[in-house]
Amino acid sequence: MKKNLFRAKLVQTMIVGIILLFPTFARSQNELPTAEELRGKPNEAEQQRLDKKQSRQAALRQGIQLYKTGNYAASETIFRQLVEAQPEEAKYHFYFGNALFYQRKIEEATQAYQEAIRLNPKYALAYNALGFLQATQGQWDEAIIQYQKALEINADYAEALKNLGEAFWKKGNIAEAKNAWNKALTLYTQQGNNKAAQQIQEVLNRTAQ
């Protein structure tokens, strides 16, 4: 009986202790720093870097939009500024080259594409663009080399295959041209690019006659 009474008092004492401790525990939990506080606010230099990065990203989007709508001169201005601000960014040189190319500024565009490739040797888009530029100048051998480099990086690059087929055709390499076009047709079909697939099919139909 005495043992039971002792155990009951012990349990009661423990419960009272927990109740007394709980507010302190809850208060300490509420005083824990938030995730934002743990991360801390960026200092002035970090904030400036973030602001500049966001500004460049906005300029990049604007430049691409201008390029897509055919406003190449305005696009050139934006990408020239981006290249000057961050000359080690390959994609800025690539888009700069595009804006220059469609204004027939061939020498500058060539330099821009080459710089993009120098900065990023795995830049398949830049190899393809340089090849297309060379093709417009009748430099078919040089264009083929660039297209093949693009395809070494990305074997599923349908546009590079299409362009490679045209270059082979211009060189009189009919079998190689059709082989490249058939591969491009398969890829365009798999990718759901029906318009491009139809164009390739029409080319193949014409060359079969």
Foldseek 3Di string as FASTA:
>chain_A
DVVVVVVVVVVVVVVVVCVVCVVVVVVVVVPDDDPDVVVPDDDPVVVVVVVVVVVLVVLVVVLVVCVVVPVLVVSLVSLVVVCVVPVLALVSLQSNLSSCVVVVVLVSSLVSLVSSCVSPVLPLSSLQVNLVSCVVVVNLVSSLVSLVSSCVSPVLPLVSLQVNLVSCVVVVVNVSSLVSLVSSLVSCVVVVVVVVNVVSVVVVVVVVD
